[in-house]
C-alpha cells in the first residue's frame, strides 16, 4: 500500500484506464466490467479491477491536475508494477473546427508546469506519449468506425486561465486543445520506461463557447471509453 492507494499486491492489473473523475471510474466499472471489485477507496479516488471480454483491467481515477495525476501514475508504475496507463478524459478545444464530442488522441503534451523539473530535473516543455500504445488506440478506433484526430495538447496548471490565448497556443506551440493531466503521465511513463497514452473527448470549445454539462461529461463519453477498453 501507498499513502494514496490501499490496494493490496496483485489487486491492480498491468493495464489501467484512468479517467480523472472517480464517478466516471465507477460508471465504467458498473457498465462495462464483469466480476469487478473495489481496489482503492483512499480519498474516494475510486479504483476497480475486473474483466472486459475476459481481459483483466483496472479502472481508477487520477483526480484533477498535474500534481494529482503525478502522484497516482507514479505510484501505480513504481509500486504496483503497472505497465500501461491509458488516460481518458475531456479537453477544451482551441480550434473552431474541433467540436464538442470530437475525440482526439494526444500524441504529445506541452506544459509550462514545473512538474518534470522538480521531480526529474528535466526542463523540456514537450513530452511524447508512447507511440505504439497511441497507435493501438488509433487502430482500435478505426476498427470501430470512430473518427479520432491525433493532436498535441496543452496540459495547463490553471483551469481558469486569464492569460491564455487559444490562437497563440495553436500557432506558437502547436497545441489544439487544453487538458490538465497528460504532461505528468507521459513524464512518469518515460522515467519508469512504461507505456502511457491519452484519449480525450472535446467537452467545450474555447473559440465558440460551446460546452457540455457535468452530467454529459460523466456518462456520455462512451465512444472514447469503448476505444480504450477494446484496445486492451
Foldseek 3Di string as FASTA:
>chain_A
DDPAWQADAPQADLEEEEEADLLLLVVCCVPAFPPKDWRGCGVHQTKIWGDGVRHIHMYTYQHAFAVSVLVVLLCCVPPHVHFEYEYEAEWAFLDPPQDFQAKEKAQKEFEPDCVCCVPPVDDDRMFGADVVLSVLLVVLCVVVVHDYYYFYAYAYRDPPDPPDRSVCCCVVVVHGIYGGHVVSNRSSCVVSVGHYIYMYGYAYYPVPGDGDDPVCRSPVNVSRVVSVNVSD
